[in-house]
C-alpha atoms as a PDB file:
ATOM      1  CA  MET A   1     -56.493  36.317  11.153  1.00  0.00           C
ATOM      2  CA  SER A   2     -55.108  37.774   7.971  1.00  0.00           C
ATOM      3  CA  ARG A   3     -57.012  40.862   6.847  1.00  0.00           C
ATOM      4  CA  ILE A   4     -56.312  40.201   3.172  1.00  0.00           C
ATOM      5  CA  GLY A   5     -57.146  36.511   3.561  1.00  0.00           C
ATOM      6  CA  LYS A   6     -60.607  37.355   4.949  1.00  0.00           C
ATOM      7  CA  LYS A   7     -61.575  39.547   1.976  1.00  0.00           C
ATOM      8  CA  ILE A   8     -63.985  38.033  -0.517  1.00  0.00           C
ATOM      9  CA  ILE A   9     -63.287  37.672  -4.237  1.00  0.00           C
ATOM     10  CA  ASN A  10     -66.172  38.617  -6.524  1.00  0.00           C
ATOM     11  CA  ILE A  11     -65.998  36.539  -9.694  1.00  0.00           C
ATOM     12  CA  PRO A  12     -66.951  38.460 -12.874  1.00  0.00           C
ATOM     13  CA  ALA A  13     -69.825  37.114 -14.988  1.00  0.00           C
ATOM     14  CA  ASN A  14     -67.634  36.184 -17.980  1.00  0.00           C
ATOM     15  CA  THR A  15     -65.080  34.289 -15.865  1.00  0.00           C
ATOM     16  CA  LYS A  16     -65.437  30.647 -14.832  1.00  0.00           C
ATOM     17  CA  VAL A  17     -63.723  29.343 -11.672  1.00  0.00           C
ATOM     18  CA  GLU A  18     -63.410  25.638 -10.846  1.00  0.00           C
ATOM     19  CA  ILE A  19     -62.132  24.069  -7.628  1.00  0.00           C
ATOM     20  CA  LYS A  20     -60.862  20.480  -7.863  1.00  0.00           C
ATOM     21  CA  GLU A  21     -59.142  19.068  -4.779  1.00  0.00           C
ATOM     22  CA  ASN A  22     -56.458  21.705  -4.071  1.00  0.00           C
ATOM     23  CA  ILE A  23     -56.266  23.326  -7.533  1.00  0.00           C
ATOM     24  CA  ILE A  24     -58.205  26.445  -8.522  1.00  0.00           C
ATOM     25  CA  THR A  25     -58.574  27.020 -12.273  1.00  0.00           C
ATOM     26  CA  ALA A  26     -59.838  30.310 -13.713  1.00  0.00           C
ATOM     27  CA  THR A  27     -60.948  30.582 -17.339  1.00  0.00           C
ATOM     28  CA  GLY A  28     -61.764  33.903 -18.965  1.00  0.00           C
ATOM     29  CA  ALA A  29     -61.483  35.946 -22.143  1.00  0.00           C
ATOM     30  CA  LEU A  30     -57.654  36.023 -21.964  1.00  0.00           C
ATOM     31  CA  GLY A  31     -57.021  32.320 -21.299  1.00  0.00           C
ATOM     32  CA  THR A  32     -56.779  29.845 -18.456  1.00  0.00           C
ATOM     33  CA  LEU A  33     -54.607  29.996 -15.325  1.00  0.00           C
ATOM     34  CA  SER A  34     -54.319  27.594 -12.380  1.00  0.00           C
ATOM     35  CA  TYR A  35     -53.126  27.894  -8.797  1.00  0.00           C
ATOM     36  CA  THR A  36     -52.325  25.083  -6.376  1.00  0.00           C
ATOM     37  CA  LEU A  37     -53.565  25.838  -2.879  1.00  0.00           C
ATOM     38  CA  PRO A  38     -51.204  25.243   0.045  1.00  0.00           C
ATOM     39  CA  GLU A  39     -52.176  22.661   2.647  1.00  0.00           C
ATOM     40  CA  GLY A  40     -54.483  24.063   5.318  1.00  0.00           C
ATOM     41  CA  VAL A  41     -56.203  26.751   3.227  1.00  0.00           C
ATOM     42  CA  THR A  42     -59.797  25.835   2.335  1.00  0.00           C
ATOM     43  CA  PRO A  43     -61.667  27.569  -0.519  1.00  0.00           C
ATOM     44  CA  LYS A  44     -65.431  28.076  -0.372  1.00  0.00           C
ATOM     45  CA  MET A  45     -67.510  29.198  -3.336  1.00  0.00           C
ATOM     46  CA  GLU A  46     -71.051  30.529  -2.911  1.00  0.00           C
ATOM     47  CA  GLY A  47     -72.508  31.723  -6.195  1.00  0.00           C
ATOM     48  CA  ALA A  48     -70.102  34.305  -7.618  1.00  0.00           C
ATOM     49  CA  VAL A  49     -68.218  34.845  -4.344  1.00  0.00           C
ATOM     50  CA  LEU A  50     -65.020  33.018  -3.373  1.00  0.00           C
ATOM     51  CA  THR A  51     -63.607  33.013   0.165  1.00  0.00           C
ATOM     52  CA  PHE A  52     -60.728  31.267   1.919  1.00  0.00           C
ATOM     53  CA  SER A  53     -60.511  29.966   5.469  1.00  0.00           C
ATOM     54  CA  ILE A  54     -57.937  28.344   7.708  1.00  0.00           C
ATOM     55  CA  PRO A  55     -58.514  26.116  10.759  1.00  0.00           C
ATOM     56  CA  GLU A  56     -58.772  27.955  14.099  1.00  0.00           C
ATOM     57  CA  ASN A  57     -56.112  25.747  15.713  1.00  0.00           C
ATOM     58  CA  ARG A  58     -53.486  26.577  13.022  1.00  0.00           C
ATOM     59  CA  VAL A  59     -53.947  30.355  12.752  1.00  0.00           C
ATOM     60  CA  LYS A  60     -50.426  31.190  13.891  1.00  0.00           C
ATOM     61  CA  GLU A  61     -48.666  29.045  11.290  1.00  0.00           C
ATOM     62  CA  LEU A  62     -51.072  29.655   8.374  1.00  0.00           C
ATOM     63  CA  ASN A  63     -51.844  33.359   8.894  1.00  0.00           C
ATOM     64  CA  ALA A  64     -49.297  34.654   6.371  1.00  0.00           C
ATOM     65  CA  ILE A  65     -50.053  32.070   3.686  1.00  0.00           C
ATOM     66  CA  HIS A  66     -53.794  32.807   4.055  1.00  0.00           C
ATOM     67  CA  GLY A  67     -53.436  36.349   2.667  1.00  0.00           C
ATOM     68  CA  THR A  68     -50.868  35.309   0.056  1.00  0.00           C
ATOM     69  CA  THR A  69     -53.170  32.586  -1.254  1.00  0.00           C
ATOM     70  CA  ARG A  70     -56.103  34.972  -1.530  1.00  0.00           C
ATOM     71  CA  ALA A  71     -53.941  37.555  -3.363  1.00  0.00           C
ATOM     72  CA  ASN A  72     -52.551  34.977  -5.814  1.00  0.00           C
ATOM     73  CA  VAL A  73     -56.021  33.602  -6.645  1.00  0.00           C
ATOM     74  CA  PHE A  74     -57.348  37.153  -7.076  1.00  0.00           C
ATOM     75  CA  ASN A  75     -54.470  37.833  -9.510  1.00  0.00           C
ATOM     76  CA  ILE A  76     -55.243  34.807 -11.687  1.00  0.00           C
ATOM     77  CA  ILE A  77     -58.938  35.775 -11.837  1.00  0.00           C
ATOM     78  CA  GLU A  78     -58.045  39.399 -12.652  1.00  0.00           C
ATOM     79  CA  GLY A  79     -55.484  38.209 -15.216  1.00  0.00           C
ATOM     80  CA  VAL A  80     -57.863  36.036 -17.239  1.00  0.00           C
ATOM     81  CA  THR A  81     -60.533  38.760 -17.068  1.00  0.00           C
ATOM     82  CA  ASN A  82     -58.641  42.029 -17.742  1.00  0.00           C
ATOM     83  CA  GLY A  83     -54.951  41.152 -17.987  1.00  0.00           C
ATOM     84  CA  PHE A  84     -51.936  43.040 -16.680  1.00  0.00           C
ATOM     85  CA  SER A  85     -49.495  45.434 -18.309  1.00  0.00           C
ATOM     86  CA  LYS A  86     -46.249  47.214 -17.459  1.00  0.00           C
ATOM     87  CA  THR A  87     -44.705  50.070 -19.415  1.00  0.00           C
ATOM     88  CA  LEU A  88     -40.988  50.784 -19.525  1.00  0.00           C
ATOM     89  CA  GLU A  89     -39.481  54.075 -20.717  1.00  0.00           C
ATOM     90  CA  ILE A  90     -36.144  54.069 -22.536  1.00  0.00           C
ATOM     91  CA  ASN A  91     -34.125  57.287 -22.111  1.00  0.00           C
ATOM     92  CA  GLY A  92     -30.752  57.901 -23.687  1.00  0.00           C
ATOM     93  CA  LEU A  93     -29.050  59.081 -26.837  1.00  0.00           C
ATOM     94  CA  GLY A  94     -29.337  56.359 -29.460  1.00  0.00           C
ATOM     95  CA  TYR A  95     -31.219  53.998 -27.154  1.00  0.00           C
ATOM     96  CA  ARG A  96     -34.053  52.217 -28.960  1.00  0.00           C
ATOM     97  CA  ALA A  97     -36.125  49.060 -28.971  1.00  0.00           C
ATOM     98  CA  ASN A  98     -38.094  47.093 -31.554  1.00  0.00           C
ATOM     99  CA  VAL A  99     -39.931  43.800 -31.793  1.00  0.00           C
ATOM    100  CA  ALA A 100     -39.088  41.267 -34.506  1.00  0.00           C
ATOM    101  CA  GLY A 101     -41.242  38.147 -34.308  1.00  0.00           C
ATOM    102  CA  GLN A 102     -40.836  36.657 -30.831  1.00  0.00           C
ATOM    103  CA  LYS A 103     -37.693  38.665 -30.020  1.00  0.00           C
ATOM    104  CA  LEU A 104     -37.239  42.056 -28.407  1.00  0.00           C
ATOM    105  CA  ASN A 105     -34.202  43.870 -29.836  1.00  0.00           C
ATOM    106  CA  LEU A 106     -32.653  46.540 -27.619  1.00  0.00           C
ATOM    107  CA  GLU A 107     -29.899  48.980 -28.584  1.00  0.00           C
ATOM    108  CA  LEU A 108     -28.693  50.473 -25.321  1.00  0.00           C
ATOM    109  CA  GLY A 109     -25.244  51.885 -25.972  1.00  0.00           C
ATOM    110  CA  PHE A 110     -23.405  48.574 -25.726  1.00  0.00           C
ATOM    111  CA  SER A 111     -21.072  47.394 -28.484  1.00  0.00           C
ATOM    112  CA  HIS A 112     -23.762  44.874 -29.459  1.00  0.00           C
ATOM    113  CA  PRO A 113     -27.573  44.807 -29.555  1.00  0.00           C
ATOM    114  CA  VAL A 114     -29.329  42.841 -26.811  1.00  0.00           C
ATOM    115  CA  ASN A 115     -31.906  40.306 -28.056  1.00  0.00           C
ATOM    116  CA  LEU A 116     -34.435  38.832 -25.618  1.00  0.00           C
ATOM    117  CA  ASP A 117     -36.902  36.031 -26.320  1.00  0.00           C
ATOM    118  CA  ILE A 118     -40.449  37.099 -25.462  1.00  0.00           C
ATOM    119  CA  PRO A 119     -41.995  34.466 -23.127  1.00  0.00           C
ATOM    120  CA  THR A 120     -45.109  32.651 -24.324  1.00  0.00           C
ATOM    121  CA  GLY A 121     -48.326  34.278 -23.163  1.00  0.00           C
ATOM    122  CA  LEU A 122     -46.893  37.802 -23.289  1.00  0.00           C
ATOM    123  CA  ALA A 123     -47.296  40.502 -25.926  1.00  0.00           C
ATOM    124  CA  VAL A 124     -44.723  43.278 -26.288  1.00  0.00           C
ATOM    125  CA  VAL A 125     -45.509  46.540 -28.082  1.00  0.00           C
ATOM    126  CA  VAL A 126     -42.974  49.306 -28.751  1.00  0.00           C
ATOM    127  CA  ASP A 127     -44.233  52.852 -29.326  1.00  0.00           C
ATOM    128  CA  PRO A 128     -42.171  54.204 -32.250  1.00  0.00           C
ATOM    129  CA  LYS A 129     -42.431  57.876 -31.157  1.00  0.00           C
ATOM    130  CA  SER A 130     -41.591  57.708 -27.465  1.00  0.00           C
ATOM    131  CA  GLY A 131     -39.748  54.373 -27.471  1.00  0.00           C
ATOM    132  CA  ALA A 132     -41.886  53.081 -24.597  1.00  0.00           C
ATOM    133  CA  VAL A 133     -42.046  49.290 -24.278  1.00  0.00           C
ATOM    134  CA  THR A 134     -45.413  47.906 -23.089  1.00  0.00           C
ATOM    135  CA  ILE A 135     -45.628  44.316 -21.860  1.00  0.00           C
ATOM    136  CA  LYS A 136     -49.103  42.749 -21.659  1.00  0.00           C
ATOM    137  CA  GLY A 137     -50.264  39.344 -20.460  1.00  0.00           C
ATOM    138  CA  SER A 138     -52.651  37.457 -18.221  1.00  0.00           C
ATOM    139  CA  ASP A 139     -50.038  36.185 -15.732  1.00  0.00           C
ATOM    140  CA  LYS A 140     -49.005  38.999 -13.356  1.00  0.00           C
ATOM    141  CA  PHE A 141     -45.804  37.209 -12.343  1.00  0.00           C
ATOM    142  CA  LYS A 142     -44.636  36.729 -15.959  1.00  0.00           C
ATOM    143  CA  VAL A 143     -45.377  40.359 -16.888  1.00  0.00           C
ATOM    144  CA  GLY A 144     -43.505  41.748 -13.882  1.00  0.00           C
ATOM    145  CA  ASP A 145     -40.621  39.300 -14.215  1.00  0.00           C
ATOM    146  CA  PHE A 146     -40.030  40.087 -17.904  1.00  0.00           C
ATOM    147  CA  ALA A 147     -40.266  43.850 -17.217  1.00  0.00           C
ATOM    148  CA  ALA A 148     -37.688  43.513 -14.422  1.00  0.00           C
ATOM    149  CA  LYS A 149     -35.424  41.459 -16.702  1.00  0.00           C
ATOM    150  CA  ILE A 150     -35.506  44.217 -19.343  1.00  0.00           C
ATOM    151  CA  ARG A 151     -34.895  46.984 -16.767  1.00  0.00           C
ATOM    152  CA  ARG A 152     -31.946  45.074 -15.292  1.00  0.00           C
ATOM    153  CA  ILE A 153     -30.047  45.294 -18.609  1.00  0.00           C
ATOM    154  CA  ARG A 154     -29.539  49.070 -18.327  1.00  0.00           C
ATOM    155  CA  PRO A 155     -30.968  50.566 -15.101  1.00  0.00           C
ATOM    156  CA  PRO A 156     -31.290  54.373 -15.043  1.00  0.00           C
ATOM    157  CA  GLU A 157     -28.200  56.217 -13.890  1.00  0.00           C
ATOM    158  CA  PRO A 158     -28.559  59.111 -11.416  1.00  0.00           C
ATOM    159  CA  TYR A 159     -26.798  61.921 -13.356  1.00  0.00           C
ATOM    160  CA  LYS A 160     -28.561  62.173 -16.712  1.00  0.00           C
ATOM    161  CA  GLY A 161     -31.283  59.604 -16.051  1.00  0.00           C
ATOM    162  CA  SER A 162     -30.424  57.559 -19.135  1.00  0.00           C
ATOM    163  CA  GLY A 163     -31.400  53.907 -19.055  1.00  0.00           C
ATOM    164  CA  ILE A 164     -34.608  51.897 -18.721  1.00  0.00           C
ATOM    165  CA  LYS A 165     -37.156  52.786 -16.048  1.00  0.00           C
ATOM    166  CA  TYR A 166     -40.755  51.914 -15.237  1.00  0.00           C
ATOM    167  CA  GLN A 167     -43.337  54.464 -16.338  1.00  0.00           C
ATOM    168  CA  GLY A 168     -43.925  56.853 -13.450  1.00  0.00           C
ATOM    169  CA  GLU A 169     -40.841  55.683 -11.533  1.00  0.00           C
ATOM    170  CA  HIS A 170     -38.942  58.476  -9.775  1.00  0.00           C
ATOM    171  CA  ILE A 171     -35.174  58.436 -10.212  1.00  0.00           C
ATOM    172  CA  ALA A 172     -33.171  60.245  -7.510  1.00  0.00           C
ATOM    173  CA  ARG A 173     -30.924  62.625  -9.422  1.00  0.00           C
ATOM    174  CA  LYS A 174     -27.438  63.753  -8.405  1.00  0.00           C
ATOM    175  CA  ALA A 175     -25.961  67.176  -9.141  1.00  0.00           C
ATOM    176  CA  GLY A 176     -22.733  66.080 -10.816  1.00  0.00           C
ATOM    177  CA  LYS A 177     -19.433  67.932 -10.802  1.00  0.00           C
ATOM    178  CA  THR A 178     -19.226  71.679 -10.440  1.00  0.00           C
ATOM    179  CA  ALA A 179     -16.391  73.989 -11.462  1.00  0.00           C
ATOM    180  CA  ALA A 180     -13.832  74.751  -8.794  1.00  0.00           C
ATOM    181  CA  GLY A 181     -14.538  78.102  -7.193  1.00  0.00           C
ATOM    182  CA  GLY A 182     -11.384  80.256  -7.315  1.00  0.00           C
ATOM    183  CA  LYS A 183     -10.656  83.516  -5.542  1.00  0.00           C
END
Protein backbone atom coordinates (compact mmCIF):
# COMPACT_ATOMS: atom_id res chain seq x y z
CA MET A 1 0.00 0.00 0.00
CA SER A 2 1.03 3.57 -0.60
CA ARG A 3 2.35 5.25 2.54
CA ILE A 4 1.15 8.68 1.45
CA GLY A 5 -2.21 7.29 0.34
CA LYS A 6 -2.84 5.82 3.81
CA LYS A 7 -2.30 9.14 5.62
CA ILE A 8 -5.41 10.92 6.84
CA ILE A 9 -6.37 14.47 5.89
CA ASN A 10 -7.63 16.63 8.76
CA ILE A 11 -10.12 19.17 7.44
CA PRO A 12 -9.85 22.62 9.09
CA ALA A 13 -12.95 24.02 10.81
CA ASN A 14 -13.45 26.88 8.32
CA THR A 15 -13.19 24.62 5.25
CA LYS A 16 -16.10 22.67 3.78
CA VAL A 17 -15.48 19.47 1.78
CA GLU A 18 -18.17 17.76 -0.30
CA ILE A 19 -17.98 14.39 -2.06
CA LYS A 20 -20.38 13.83 -4.96
CA GLU A 21 -19.87 10.68 -7.02
CA ASN A 22 -16.18 10.93 -7.99
CA ILE A 23 -15.68 14.70 -7.50
CA ILE A 24 -14.32 16.25 -4.30
CA THR A 25 -15.03 19.97 -3.86
CA ALA A 26 -13.32 22.06 -1.18
CA THR A 27 -14.62 25.51 -0.24
CA GLY A 28 -12.71 27.84 2.06
CA ALA A 29 -11.74 31.44 2.70
CA LEU A 30 -9.74 31.67 -0.56
CA GLY A 31 -12.32 30.15 -2.93
CA THR A 32 -13.48 26.81 -4.26
CA LEU A 33 -11.44 24.05 -5.93
CA SER A 34 -12.49 20.64 -7.25
CA TYR A 35 -10.69 17.39 -7.98
CA THR A 36 -11.97 14.42 -9.98
CA LEU A 37 -11.01 11.13 -8.38
CA PRO A 38 -9.56 8.40 -10.59
CA GLU A 39 -11.47 5.14 -10.93
CA GLY A 40 -10.73 2.70 -8.12
CA VAL A 41 -9.91 5.22 -5.38
CA THR A 42 -12.68 5.49 -2.77
CA PRO A 43 -12.93 8.49 -0.40
CA LYS A 44 -14.33 8.10 3.11
CA MET A 45 -15.22 11.03 5.34
CA GLU A 46 -15.75 10.61 9.09
CA GLY A 47 -16.36 13.93 10.81
CA ALA A 48 -13.42 16.19 9.96
CA VAL A 49 -11.17 13.37 8.74
CA LEU A 50 -10.84 12.29 5.10
CA THR A 51 -9.20 9.02 4.03
CA PHE A 52 -8.75 7.18 0.74
CA SER A 53 -8.77 3.45 0.05
CA ILE A 54 -8.24 1.14 -2.89
CA PRO A 55 -9.54 -2.42 -3.37
CA GLU A 56 -7.25 -5.19 -2.09
CA ASN A 57 -7.33 -7.04 -5.42
CA ARG A 58 -6.08 -3.98 -7.39
CA VAL A 59 -3.25 -2.80 -5.12
CA LYS A 60 -0.52 -3.33 -7.69
CA GLU A 61 -2.13 -1.20 -10.40
CA LEU A 62 -3.59 1.52 -8.14
CA ASN A 63 -0.77 1.88 -5.60
CA ALA A 64 0.88 4.89 -7.26
CA ILE A 65 -2.36 6.74 -8.01
CA HIS A 66 -3.49 6.20 -4.39
CA GLY A 67 -0.76 8.48 -2.99
CA THR A 68 -1.06 10.98 -5.84
CA THR A 69 -4.80 11.32 -5.27
CA ARG A 70 -4.34 11.90 -1.55
CA ALA A 71 -1.63 14.53 -2.21
CA ASN A 72 -3.74 16.37 -4.81
CA VAL A 73 -6.81 16.48 -2.53
CA PHE A 74 -4.64 17.66 0.38
CA ASN A 75 -3.32 20.46 -1.88
CA ILE A 76 -6.79 21.71 -2.81
CA ILE A 77 -7.85 21.74 0.86
CA GLU A 78 -4.63 23.53 1.87
CA GLY A 79 -5.05 25.95 -1.05
CA VAL A 80 -8.56 27.11 -0.17
CA THR A 81 -7.58 27.37 3.51
CA ASN A 82 -4.12 29.04 3.48
CA GLY A 83 -3.10 29.42 -0.16
CA PHE A 84 0.30 28.94 -1.77
CA SER A 85 3.05 31.36 -2.75
CA LYS A 86 6.35 31.31 -4.63
CA THR A 87 8.94 34.08 -4.62
CA LEU A 88 11.34 34.73 -7.48
CA GLU A 89 14.48 36.87 -7.19
CA ILE A 90 15.63 38.95 -10.16
CA ASN A 91 19.40 39.56 -10.27
CA GLY A 92 21.14 41.56 -12.95
CA LEU A 93 22.11 45.06 -13.97
CA GLY A 94 19.01 46.87 -15.19
CA TYR A 95 16.75 43.86 -14.65
CA ARG A 96 13.39 44.86 -13.17
CA ALA A 97 9.76 43.87 -12.95
CA ASN A 98 6.46 45.65 -12.35
CA VAL A 99 2.77 44.86 -12.42
CA ALA A 100 0.36 46.91 -14.53
CA GLY A 101 -3.23 45.72 -14.22
CA GLN A 102 -3.33 42.03 -15.17
CA LYS A 103 0.10 42.08 -16.84
CA LEU A 104 3.56 41.43 -15.47
CA ASN A 105 6.17 43.57 -17.25
CA LEU A 106 9.74 42.27 -17.16
CA GLU A 107 12.86 44.09 -18.36
CA LEU A 108 15.57 41.45 -18.52
CA GLY A 109 18.26 42.78 -20.82
CA PHE A 110 16.49 41.89 -24.06
CA SER A 111 15.92 44.47 -26.78
CA HIS A 112 12.25 44.50 -25.76
CA PRO A 113 10.29 44.20 -22.50
CA VAL A 114 8.54 40.88 -21.85
CA ASN A 115 4.83 41.18 -20.94
CA LEU A 116 3.03 38.21 -19.39
CA ASP A 117 -0.69 37.93 -18.69
CA ILE A 118 -1.33 37.02 -15.05
CA PRO A 119 -3.64 33.95 -14.93
CA THR A 120 -6.99 34.33 -13.20
CA GLY A 121 -6.92 33.31 -9.55
CA LEU A 122 -3.33 34.47 -9.03
CA ALA A 123 -2.01 37.65 -7.45
CA VAL A 124 1.46 38.96 -8.30
CA VAL A 125 3.29 41.44 -6.06
CA VAL A 126 6.65 43.04 -6.90
CA ASP A 127 8.81 44.36 -4.06
CA PRO A 128 10.15 47.73 -5.29
CA LYS A 129 13.36 47.58 -3.18
CA SER A 130 14.63 44.07 -3.84
CA GLY A 131 12.77 43.41 -7.10
CA ALA A 132 11.43 40.11 -5.77
CA VAL A 133 8.30 38.82 -7.52
CA THR A 134 5.81 36.99 -5.25
CA ILE A 135 3.07 34.87 -6.81
CA LYS A 136 0.12 33.94 -4.58
CA GLY A 137 -2.95 31.80 -5.23
CA SER A 138 -5.08 28.93 -4.01
CA ASP A 139 -4.18 26.47 -6.80
CA LYS A 140 -0.70 25.01 -6.18
CA PHE A 141 -0.33 23.89 -9.80
CA LYS A 142 -1.13 27.37 -11.21
CA VAL A 143 1.26 29.11 -8.79
CA GLY A 144 4.14 26.76 -9.59
CA ASP A 145 3.44 26.74 -13.32
CA PHE A 146 3.39 30.55 -13.59
CA ALA A 147 6.57 30.82 -11.48
CA ALA A 148 8.32 28.30 -13.75
CA LYS A 149 7.12 30.20 -16.84
CA ILE A 150 8.65 33.43 -15.50
CA ARG A 151 11.93 31.72 -14.53
CA ARG A 152 12.20 30.11 -17.98
CA ILE A 153 12.42 33.54 -19.65
CA ARG A 154 15.88 34.28 -18.19
CA PRO A 155 17.28 31.42 -16.07
CA PRO A 156 20.29 32.30 -13.88
CA GLU A 157 23.65 31.97 -15.58
CA PRO A 158 26.53 30.29 -13.72
CA TYR A 159 29.20 33.04 -13.92
CA LYS A 160 27.64 36.16 -12.41
CA GLY A 161 24.35 34.60 -11.31
CA SER A 162 22.25 37.13 -13.21
CA GLY A 163 18.77 36.03 -14.19
CA ILE A 164 15.61 34.88 -12.41
CA LYS A 165 15.82 32.28 -9.64
CA TYR A 166 13.54 30.92 -6.93
CA GLN A 167 14.08 32.37 -3.47
CA GLY A 168 16.55 30.14 -1.65
CA GLU A 169 17.62 28.30 -4.82
CA HIS A 170 21.34 27.51 -4.98
CA ILE A 171 23.04 28.30 -8.28
CA ALA A 172 26.25 26.36 -8.99
CA ARG A 173 28.81 29.02 -9.83
CA LYS A 174 31.74 28.68 -12.23
CA ALA A 175 35.10 30.40 -11.83
CA GLY A 176 35.33 32.06 -15.24
CA LYS A 177 38.49 32.85 -17.17
CA THR A 178 41.79 33.47 -15.46
CA ALA A 179 44.82 35.32 -16.79
CA ALA A 180 47.43 33.20 -18.51
CA GLY A 181 50.29 32.44 -16.16
CA GLY A 182 53.59 33.42 -17.81
CA LYS A 183 57.13 32.62 -16.73
